[in-house]
Protein backbone atom coordinates (compact mmCIF):
# COMPACT_ATOMS: atom_id res chain seq x y z
CA MET A 1 0.00 0.00 0.00
CA ILE A 2 1.25 3.47 -0.84
CA GLU A 3 0.66 6.19 1.73
CA ILE A 4 0.66 9.82 0.64
CA LYS A 5 1.27 12.21 3.50
CA PRO A 6 -0.34 15.66 3.19
CA VAL A 7 1.86 18.69 2.80
CA GLN A 8 1.26 21.38 5.39
CA ASN A 9 0.58 24.96 4.28
CA LEU A 10 1.38 24.63 0.61
CA GLN A 11 1.25 28.08 -1.00
CA THR A 12 1.50 27.97 -4.78
CA THR A 13 -0.24 29.10 -7.94
CA VAL A 14 -1.27 26.60 -10.60
CA THR A 15 -1.93 27.79 -14.14
CA VAL A 16 -4.06 25.19 -15.87
CA PRO A 17 -3.31 24.69 -19.59
CA GLY A 18 -6.17 25.25 -22.02
CA SER A 19 -7.29 21.61 -22.01
CA LYS A 20 -10.63 20.23 -20.84
CA SER A 21 -8.90 17.08 -19.63
CA TYR A 22 -6.29 18.99 -17.59
CA THR A 23 -8.92 21.42 -16.32
CA ASN A 24 -11.16 18.56 -15.15
CA ARG A 25 -8.21 16.86 -13.46
CA ALA A 26 -7.28 20.08 -11.67
CA LEU A 27 -10.91 20.65 -10.59
CA LEU A 28 -11.15 17.14 -9.16
CA ILE A 29 -7.84 17.36 -7.29
CA ALA A 30 -8.76 20.80 -5.93
CA GLY A 31 -12.08 19.39 -4.73
CA LEU A 32 -10.23 16.72 -2.75
CA ALA A 33 -7.71 19.17 -1.30
CA ASP A 34 -8.22 20.78 2.09
CA GLY A 35 -8.80 24.49 1.57
CA GLU A 36 -8.97 26.93 -1.29
CA CYS A 37 -7.35 26.40 -4.68
CA ARG A 38 -7.26 28.98 -7.46
CA LEU A 39 -7.10 27.51 -10.96
CA GLU A 40 -6.04 30.24 -13.37
CA LYS A 41 -6.90 30.32 -17.08
CA PRO A 42 -8.91 27.09 -17.14
CA LEU A 43 -10.58 25.90 -20.31
CA VAL A 44 -14.29 26.68 -20.02
CA SER A 45 -16.32 24.11 -21.96
CA ASP A 46 -19.42 21.96 -21.56
CA ASP A 47 -17.22 19.22 -20.09
CA THR A 48 -15.75 21.48 -17.42
CA LYS A 49 -19.18 22.95 -16.64
CA TYR A 50 -20.53 19.43 -16.04
CA MET A 51 -17.56 18.64 -13.81
CA ILE A 52 -18.23 21.78 -11.75
CA LEU A 53 -21.91 20.86 -11.38
CA ALA A 54 -20.92 17.35 -10.28
CA LEU A 55 -18.42 18.66 -7.72
CA LYS A 56 -21.09 20.96 -6.32
CA ALA A 57 -23.38 17.93 -5.94
CA PHE A 58 -20.66 16.40 -3.72
CA GLY A 59 -20.57 19.57 -1.60
CA VAL A 60 -17.50 21.19 -3.15
CA SER A 61 -17.75 24.96 -3.59
CA VAL A 62 -16.62 26.28 -6.99
CA GLN A 63 -16.71 29.97 -7.86
CA GLU A 64 -16.17 31.07 -11.43
CA GLU A 65 -14.27 34.30 -12.02
CA LYS A 66 -13.28 35.95 -15.28
CA GLU A 67 -10.14 33.85 -15.84
CA ALA A 68 -10.10 31.50 -12.86
CA PHE A 69 -12.00 28.94 -10.84
CA ILE A 70 -11.84 29.16 -7.04
CA VAL A 71 -12.37 25.70 -5.56
CA SER A 72 -12.89 25.17 -1.84
CA GLY A 73 -11.73 21.62 -1.28
CA ARG A 74 -13.30 19.48 1.40
CA GLY A 75 -10.23 17.46 2.36
CA GLY A 76 -11.94 14.25 1.29
CA GLU A 77 -15.04 14.93 3.43
CA LEU A 78 -17.59 14.87 0.61
CA SER A 79 -21.38 14.88 0.73
CA THR A 80 -23.46 12.13 -0.85
CA PRO A 81 -25.37 13.66 -3.79
CA GLU A 82 -29.14 13.64 -3.34
CA GLN A 83 -29.92 13.29 -7.06
CA ASP A 84 -28.48 11.68 -10.17
CA ILE A 85 -25.53 13.57 -11.65
CA PHE A 86 -25.87 14.41 -15.34
CA ILE A 87 -22.53 14.57 -17.17
CA GLY A 88 -23.72 15.19 -20.72
CA ASN A 89 -21.16 13.90 -23.22
CA ALA A 90 -18.16 14.52 -20.94
CA GLY A 91 -16.32 11.19 -21.10
CA THR A 92 -13.32 12.38 -19.10
CA ALA A 93 -15.56 13.69 -16.32
CA MET A 94 -17.52 10.41 -16.33
CA ARG A 95 -14.34 8.35 -15.88
CA PHE A 96 -12.95 10.57 -13.12
CA LEU A 97 -16.26 10.85 -11.28
CA THR A 98 -16.74 7.08 -11.28
CA THR A 99 -13.80 6.65 -8.90
CA PHE A 100 -14.53 9.93 -7.09
CA SER A 101 -18.02 8.57 -6.27
CA ALA A 102 -16.47 5.64 -4.40
CA LEU A 103 -15.37 8.08 -1.67
CA VAL A 104 -18.92 8.62 -0.38
CA PRO A 105 -21.39 6.16 1.15
CA GLY A 106 -24.53 5.15 -0.67
CA LYS A 107 -25.42 4.76 -4.31
CA ILE A 108 -24.41 7.39 -6.84
CA ARG A 109 -25.84 7.45 -10.34
CA LEU A 110 -23.88 9.19 -13.07
CA ASP A 111 -25.89 9.78 -16.22
CA GLY A 112 -24.99 11.22 -19.60
CA ASP A 113 -25.77 11.42 -23.28
CA ALA A 114 -25.76 8.18 -25.25
């Protein structure tokens, strides 16, 4: 088993490349972190919008600014969504959220376009 020990008081800035895949990865990691993360210059697309909506369903706060997302991570203490989570046609988000969903108790249904 690999154990990852948290870093205390990490102060850094992450500039996310203009990629929906990288942006969704950064959103997910920020949602798992403990505290606030600022993701600068993210790619705004349907896929990233669905990821943000999904994270909000898990209790993660995401604020959208002009050229940044501010994500308040829950340190792994996520809420169980009360409704199905619609992902549209966001395959990357669907794959990431499948494993993310295993972190909360209960049944989670991820739904999307055919």
